[in-house]
Amino acid sequence: MTLSELKSLQKRIDRLRSKRAWLRSNAQNTTPSLSGMPSGGGDSDKLGTTVAQIADVDAEISALTTEYNAHLKRLSSDVFEESCILLHIVRGMTWRRVAFEVTGRADTANSIRMKCYRYYW
């Protein structure tokens, strides 16, 4: 797993969370249309279908979150690149702040970022 793959996994989780929020708001919007025109008479269960979709999205989010956390747990703070990745991903530090924390100099931020992106664990 590389840092870019880990970030891509996090983006997938974020997209699924926003999809879940959209589905929930769509499910709560159950106002009937009172246009006066006859409807098609279809027996569609909008709420039931949406609840099933939300359950599927929740299951996928759970699986991806478990995978994401498993990859993070494999990182140790003993290896330089892994400790930098933990600071950046878990604590949410910028690369400049990570460089300052690890080396005491902020001018090495780009080199540390590139090392972390090339690192494979």
N, C-alpha and C. Protein backbone atom coordinates (compact mmCIF):
# COMPACT_ATOMS: atom_id res chain seq x y z
N MET A 1 0.86 -1.17 0.00
CA MET A 1 0.00 0.00 0.00
C MET A 1 0.89 1.22 0.00
N THR A 2 0.57 2.16 -0.83
CA THR A 2 1.30 3.42 -0.86
C THR A 2 0.41 4.52 -0.28
N LEU A 3 1.02 5.67 -0.06
CA LEU A 3 0.28 6.80 0.50
C LEU A 3 -0.82 7.26 -0.45
N SER A 4 -0.53 7.26 -1.75
CA SER A 4 -1.56 7.68 -2.71
C SER A 4 -2.73 6.70 -2.73
N GLU A 5 -2.45 5.40 -2.57
CA GLU A 5 -3.54 4.42 -2.50
C GLU A 5 -4.36 4.61 -1.23
N LEU A 6 -3.67 4.94 -0.13
CA LEU A 6 -4.36 5.18 1.12
C LEU A 6 -5.26 6.42 1.02
N LYS A 7 -4.75 7.47 0.39
CA LYS A 7 -5.57 8.67 0.19
C LYS A 7 -6.74 8.40 -0.74
N SER A 8 -6.52 7.59 -1.76
CA SER A 8 -7.60 7.25 -2.67
C SER A 8 -8.69 6.46 -1.94
N LEU A 9 -8.28 5.58 -1.03
CA LEU A 9 -9.24 4.83 -0.22
C LEU A 9 -10.03 5.78 0.68
N GLN A 10 -9.37 6.77 1.25
CA GLN A 10 -10.05 7.75 2.08
C GLN A 10 -11.04 8.57 1.26
N LYS A 11 -10.68 8.91 0.03
CA LYS A 11 -11.60 9.67 -0.83
C LYS A 11 -12.83 8.85 -1.18
N ARG A 12 -12.64 7.53 -1.41
CA ARG A 12 -13.79 6.66 -1.68
C ARG A 12 -14.73 6.62 -0.49
N ILE A 13 -14.16 6.55 0.71
CA ILE A 13 -14.98 6.54 1.91
C ILE A 13 -15.74 7.85 2.04
N ASP A 14 -15.07 8.98 1.78
CA ASP A 14 -15.73 10.28 1.85
C ASP A 14 -16.85 10.40 0.83
N ARG A 15 -16.62 9.91 -0.40
CA ARG A 15 -17.67 9.97 -1.43
C ARG A 15 -18.87 9.11 -1.03
N LEU A 16 -18.60 7.94 -0.44
CA LEU A 16 -19.71 7.09 -0.01
C LEU A 16 -20.48 7.73 1.14
N ARG A 17 -19.78 8.42 2.03
CA ARG A 17 -20.47 9.11 3.13
C ARG A 17 -21.37 10.22 2.60
N SER A 18 -20.89 10.94 1.59
CA SER A 18 -21.73 12.01 1.03
C SER A 18 -22.90 11.40 0.26
N LYS A 19 -22.68 10.25 -0.38
CA LYS A 19 -23.79 9.57 -1.06
C LYS A 19 -24.83 9.11 -0.05
N ARG A 20 -24.37 8.59 1.10
CA ARG A 20 -25.29 8.17 2.15
C ARG A 20 -26.11 9.36 2.66
N ALA A 21 -25.45 10.51 2.84
CA ALA A 21 -26.17 11.70 3.30
C ALA A 21 -27.21 12.13 2.27
N TRP A 22 -26.85 12.05 0.99
CA TRP A 22 -27.79 12.41 -0.07
C TRP A 22 -28.98 11.45 -0.09
N LEU A 23 -28.70 10.15 0.07
CA LEU A 23 -29.78 9.17 0.08
C LEU A 23 -30.71 9.39 1.27
N ARG A 24 -30.13 9.70 2.42
CA ARG A 24 -30.96 9.95 3.61
C ARG A 24 -31.85 11.17 3.41
N SER A 25 -31.29 12.24 2.86
CA SER A 25 -32.12 13.43 2.64
C SER A 25 -33.18 13.15 1.57
N ASN A 26 -32.84 12.33 0.60
CA ASN A 26 -33.81 11.97 -0.44
C ASN A 26 -34.92 11.10 0.14
N ALA A 27 -34.57 10.23 1.09
CA ALA A 27 -35.58 9.37 1.71
C ALA A 27 -36.52 10.16 2.60
N GLN A 28 -36.03 11.23 3.20
CA GLN A 28 -36.86 12.04 4.07
C GLN A 28 -37.79 12.96 3.29
N ASN A 29 -37.50 13.16 2.05
CA ASN A 29 -38.31 14.01 1.19
C ASN A 29 -39.42 13.17 0.57
N THR A 30 -40.46 12.91 1.34
CA THR A 30 -41.54 12.04 0.86
C THR A 30 -42.84 12.80 0.65
N THR A 31 -42.76 14.05 0.31
CA THR A 31 -43.95 14.85 0.07
C THR A 31 -44.62 14.39 -1.22
N PRO A 32 -45.93 14.11 -1.18
CA PRO A 32 -46.61 13.67 -2.40
C PRO A 32 -46.77 14.83 -3.38
N SER A 33 -46.78 14.51 -4.62
CA SER A 33 -46.99 15.51 -5.66
C SER A 33 -48.48 15.73 -5.83
N LEU A 34 -48.96 16.93 -5.59
CA LEU A 34 -50.38 17.26 -5.68
C LEU A 34 -50.64 18.14 -6.90
N SER A 35 -50.34 17.60 -8.06
CA SER A 35 -50.50 18.40 -9.27
C SER A 35 -51.92 18.31 -9.83
N GLY A 36 -52.70 17.36 -9.39
CA GLY A 36 -54.06 17.21 -9.92
C GLY A 36 -54.10 16.33 -11.15
N MET A 37 -52.96 15.99 -11.67
CA MET A 37 -52.90 15.12 -12.85
C MET A 37 -52.89 13.66 -12.39
N PRO A 38 -53.49 12.80 -13.18
CA PRO A 38 -53.47 11.38 -12.82
C PRO A 38 -52.05 10.84 -12.91
N SER A 39 -51.74 9.96 -11.98
CA SER A 39 -50.39 9.39 -11.99
C SER A 39 -50.41 8.04 -12.68
N GLY A 40 -49.26 7.51 -12.90
CA GLY A 40 -49.12 6.24 -13.61
C GLY A 40 -49.62 5.06 -12.82
N GLY A 41 -49.78 5.21 -11.53
CA GLY A 41 -50.30 4.11 -10.72
C GLY A 41 -49.27 3.04 -10.44
N GLY A 42 -48.02 3.33 -10.65
CA GLY A 42 -46.98 2.34 -10.37
C GLY A 42 -46.84 2.09 -8.89
N ASP A 43 -46.56 0.87 -8.54
CA ASP A 43 -46.41 0.51 -7.14
C ASP A 43 -44.92 0.52 -6.78
N SER A 44 -44.31 1.67 -6.79
CA SER A 44 -42.90 1.74 -6.44
C SER A 44 -42.78 2.15 -4.98
N ASP A 45 -41.87 1.51 -4.29
CA ASP A 45 -41.64 1.80 -2.89
C ASP A 45 -40.35 2.61 -2.80
N LYS A 46 -40.48 3.92 -2.96
CA LYS A 46 -39.31 4.80 -2.98
C LYS A 46 -38.54 4.72 -1.67
N LEU A 47 -39.25 4.72 -0.56
CA LEU A 47 -38.60 4.69 0.74
C LEU A 47 -37.89 3.36 0.99
N GLY A 48 -38.54 2.26 0.65
CA GLY A 48 -37.95 0.94 0.84
C GLY A 48 -36.70 0.75 0.00
N THR A 49 -36.75 1.22 -1.24
CA THR A 49 -35.60 1.12 -2.13
C THR A 49 -34.44 1.96 -1.60
N THR A 50 -34.75 3.16 -1.14
CA THR A 50 -33.71 4.04 -0.62
C THR A 50 -33.09 3.48 0.65
N VAL A 51 -33.89 2.90 1.52
CA VAL A 51 -33.36 2.30 2.75
C VAL A 51 -32.43 1.14 2.41
N ALA A 52 -32.79 0.34 1.41
CA ALA A 52 -31.92 -0.76 0.99
C ALA A 52 -30.60 -0.22 0.43
N GLN A 53 -30.66 0.86 -0.34
CA GLN A 53 -29.44 1.47 -0.87
C GLN A 53 -28.56 2.02 0.25
N ILE A 54 -29.20 2.64 1.25
CA ILE A 54 -28.44 3.17 2.39
C ILE A 54 -27.74 2.03 3.13
N ALA A 55 -28.43 0.90 3.30
CA ALA A 55 -27.82 -0.25 3.97
C ALA A 55 -26.62 -0.78 3.18
N ASP A 56 -26.75 -0.82 1.86
CA ASP A 56 -25.63 -1.26 1.02
C ASP A 56 -24.44 -0.32 1.14
N VAL A 57 -24.72 0.98 1.11
CA VAL A 57 -23.66 1.98 1.22
C VAL A 57 -23.00 1.90 2.60
N ASP A 58 -23.80 1.71 3.65
CA ASP A 58 -23.25 1.57 5.00
C ASP A 58 -22.33 0.36 5.11
N ALA A 59 -22.73 -0.76 4.50
CA ALA A 59 -21.89 -1.96 4.52
C ALA A 59 -20.58 -1.72 3.79
N GLU A 60 -20.64 -1.03 2.65
CA GLU A 60 -19.41 -0.74 1.90
C GLU A 60 -18.51 0.21 2.66
N ILE A 61 -19.10 1.21 3.31
CA ILE A 61 -18.31 2.15 4.12
C ILE A 61 -17.63 1.40 5.26
N SER A 62 -18.34 0.51 5.89
CA SER A 62 -17.79 -0.27 7.00
C SER A 62 -16.61 -1.12 6.53
N ALA A 63 -16.76 -1.78 5.39
CA ALA A 63 -15.69 -2.62 4.86
C ALA A 63 -14.46 -1.79 4.50
N LEU A 64 -14.68 -0.66 3.83
CA LEU A 64 -13.56 0.19 3.43
C LEU A 64 -12.87 0.83 4.64
N THR A 65 -13.65 1.20 5.65
CA THR A 65 -13.08 1.78 6.86
C THR A 65 -12.22 0.75 7.60
N THR A 66 -12.69 -0.48 7.64
CA THR A 66 -11.92 -1.56 8.26
C THR A 66 -10.60 -1.76 7.53
N GLU A 67 -10.65 -1.76 6.20
CA GLU A 67 -9.43 -1.91 5.39
C GLU A 67 -8.48 -0.73 5.62
N TYR A 68 -9.03 0.47 5.64
CA TYR A 68 -8.24 1.68 5.85
C TYR A 68 -7.53 1.63 7.20
N ASN A 69 -8.28 1.28 8.24
CA ASN A 69 -7.70 1.21 9.58
C ASN A 69 -6.66 0.10 9.69
N ALA A 70 -6.87 -1.01 8.99
CA ALA A 70 -5.89 -2.10 9.00
C ALA A 70 -4.58 -1.65 8.37
N HIS A 71 -4.66 -0.88 7.30
CA HIS A 71 -3.43 -0.37 6.66
C HIS A 71 -2.73 0.63 7.56
N LEU A 72 -3.50 1.45 8.27
CA LEU A 72 -2.88 2.41 9.19
C LEU A 72 -2.22 1.71 10.37
N LYS A 73 -2.81 0.62 10.84
CA LYS A 73 -2.25 -0.10 11.98
C LYS A 73 -0.94 -0.79 11.63
N ARG A 74 -0.74 -1.09 10.34
CA ARG A 74 0.51 -1.74 9.93
C ARG A 74 1.69 -0.77 9.94
N LEU A 75 1.38 0.52 9.98
CA LEU A 75 2.46 1.50 10.03
C LEU A 75 3.03 1.55 11.44
N SER A 76 4.33 1.67 11.53
CA SER A 76 4.96 1.81 12.84
C SER A 76 5.62 3.18 12.92
N SER A 77 5.85 3.64 14.11
CA SER A 77 6.48 4.95 14.26
C SER A 77 8.00 4.83 14.28
N ASP A 78 8.53 3.61 14.08
CA ASP A 78 9.98 3.42 14.07
C ASP A 78 10.61 3.81 12.74
N VAL A 79 9.92 3.55 11.66
CA VAL A 79 10.45 3.88 10.34
C VAL A 79 10.14 5.35 10.03
N PHE A 80 11.12 6.06 9.50
CA PHE A 80 11.00 7.50 9.26
C PHE A 80 9.79 7.83 8.40
N GLU A 81 9.67 7.16 7.24
CA GLU A 81 8.57 7.46 6.33
C GLU A 81 7.22 7.14 6.96
N GLU A 82 7.16 6.03 7.70
CA GLU A 82 5.90 5.63 8.30
C GLU A 82 5.48 6.61 9.39
N SER A 83 6.42 7.11 10.15
CA SER A 83 6.07 8.09 11.18
C SER A 83 5.59 9.39 10.54
N CYS A 84 6.20 9.76 9.43
CA CYS A 84 5.75 10.97 8.71
C CYS A 84 4.34 10.78 8.14
N ILE A 85 4.06 9.59 7.62
CA ILE A 85 2.74 9.30 7.08
C ILE A 85 1.69 9.35 8.20
N LEU A 86 2.04 8.79 9.35
CA LEU A 86 1.10 8.83 10.48
C LEU A 86 0.82 10.27 10.91
N LEU A 87 1.84 11.09 10.95
CA LEU A 87 1.64 12.50 11.33
C LEU A 87 0.74 13.20 10.32
N HIS A 88 0.97 12.91 9.04
CA HIS A 88 0.21 13.58 7.99
C HIS A 88 -1.24 13.09 7.93
N ILE A 89 -1.44 11.78 7.96
CA ILE A 89 -2.78 11.21 7.78
C ILE A 89 -3.59 11.26 9.08
N VAL A 90 -3.03 10.74 10.16
CA VAL A 90 -3.81 10.60 11.39
C VAL A 90 -3.97 11.94 12.10
N ARG A 91 -2.89 12.66 12.24
CA ARG A 91 -2.99 13.94 12.94
C ARG A 91 -3.40 15.09 12.04
N GLY A 92 -3.36 14.89 10.73
CA GLY A 92 -3.81 15.91 9.79
C GLY A 92 -2.84 17.07 9.62
N MET A 93 -1.57 16.82 9.89
CA MET A 93 -0.56 17.88 9.76
C MET A 93 -0.22 18.12 8.30
N THR A 94 0.14 19.35 7.99
CA THR A 94 0.63 19.64 6.65
C THR A 94 2.04 19.07 6.52
N TRP A 95 2.51 18.95 5.27
CA TRP A 95 3.85 18.41 5.06
C TRP A 95 4.90 19.34 5.67
N ARG A 96 4.64 20.61 5.64
CA ARG A 96 5.58 21.57 6.23
C ARG A 96 5.68 21.36 7.74
N ARG A 97 4.53 21.15 8.39
CA ARG A 97 4.50 20.91 9.84
C ARG A 97 5.16 19.57 10.18
N VAL A 98 4.91 18.55 9.33
CA VAL A 98 5.53 17.24 9.54
C VAL A 98 7.05 17.38 9.46
N ALA A 99 7.53 18.11 8.47
CA ALA A 99 8.98 18.30 8.32
C ALA A 99 9.55 19.00 9.54
N PHE A 100 8.86 19.98 10.05
CA PHE A 100 9.35 20.69 11.23
C PHE A 100 9.34 19.79 12.46
N GLU A 101 8.31 18.96 12.61
CA GLU A 101 8.23 18.03 13.75
C GLU A 101 9.36 17.01 13.72
N VAL A 102 9.65 16.48 12.52
CA VAL A 102 10.59 15.37 12.41
C VAL A 102 12.03 15.85 12.35
N THR A 103 12.29 16.87 11.55
CA THR A 103 13.68 17.30 11.34
C THR A 103 14.01 18.61 12.03
N GLY A 104 13.02 19.37 12.41
CA GLY A 104 13.28 20.68 13.01
C GLY A 104 13.44 21.77 11.97
N ARG A 105 13.33 21.41 10.70
CA ARG A 105 13.44 22.38 9.60
C ARG A 105 12.20 22.25 8.72
N ALA A 106 11.66 23.37 8.33
CA ALA A 106 10.46 23.35 7.49
C ALA A 106 10.79 23.34 6.00
N ASP A 107 12.06 23.55 5.65
CA ASP A 107 12.41 23.63 4.23
C ASP A 107 12.54 22.26 3.58
N THR A 108 12.42 21.18 4.35
CA THR A 108 12.52 19.84 3.79
C THR A 108 11.16 19.20 3.52
N ALA A 109 10.12 20.00 3.51
CA ALA A 109 8.76 19.47 3.38
C ALA A 109 8.56 18.72 2.07
N ASN A 110 9.03 19.26 0.96
CA ASN A 110 8.84 18.59 -0.33
C ASN A 110 9.61 17.28 -0.41
N SER A 111 10.81 17.24 0.12
CA SER A 111 11.57 15.99 0.06
C SER A 111 10.92 14.92 0.94
N ILE A 112 10.42 15.30 2.09
CA ILE A 112 9.73 14.33 2.95
C ILE A 112 8.44 13.85 2.28
N ARG A 113 7.72 14.76 1.69
CA ARG A 113 6.48 14.39 0.99
C ARG A 113 6.77 13.39 -0.12
N MET A 114 7.81 13.63 -0.90
CA MET A 114 8.15 12.72 -2.00
C MET A 114 8.61 11.36 -1.48
N LYS A 115 9.38 11.34 -0.39
CA LYS A 115 9.79 10.07 0.21
C LYS A 115 8.57 9.27 0.65
N CYS A 116 7.61 9.95 1.24
CA CYS A 116 6.42 9.26 1.73
C CYS A 116 5.55 8.75 0.60
N TYR A 117 5.46 9.49 -0.49
CA TYR A 117 4.66 9.03 -1.62
C TYR A 117 5.31 7.85 -2.31
N ARG A 118 6.63 7.75 -2.27
CA ARG A 118 7.32 6.61 -2.90
C ARG A 118 7.38 5.39 -1.99
N TYR A 119 7.17 5.60 -0.72
CA TYR A 119 7.32 4.50 0.25
C TYR A 119 6.18 3.50 0.09
N TYR A 120 6.53 2.23 0.15
CA TYR A 120 5.54 1.16 0.04
C TYR A 120 5.62 0.28 1.28
N TRP A 121 4.49 0.07 1.93
CA TRP A 121 4.49 -0.79 3.11
C TRP A 121 3.54 -1.94 2.94
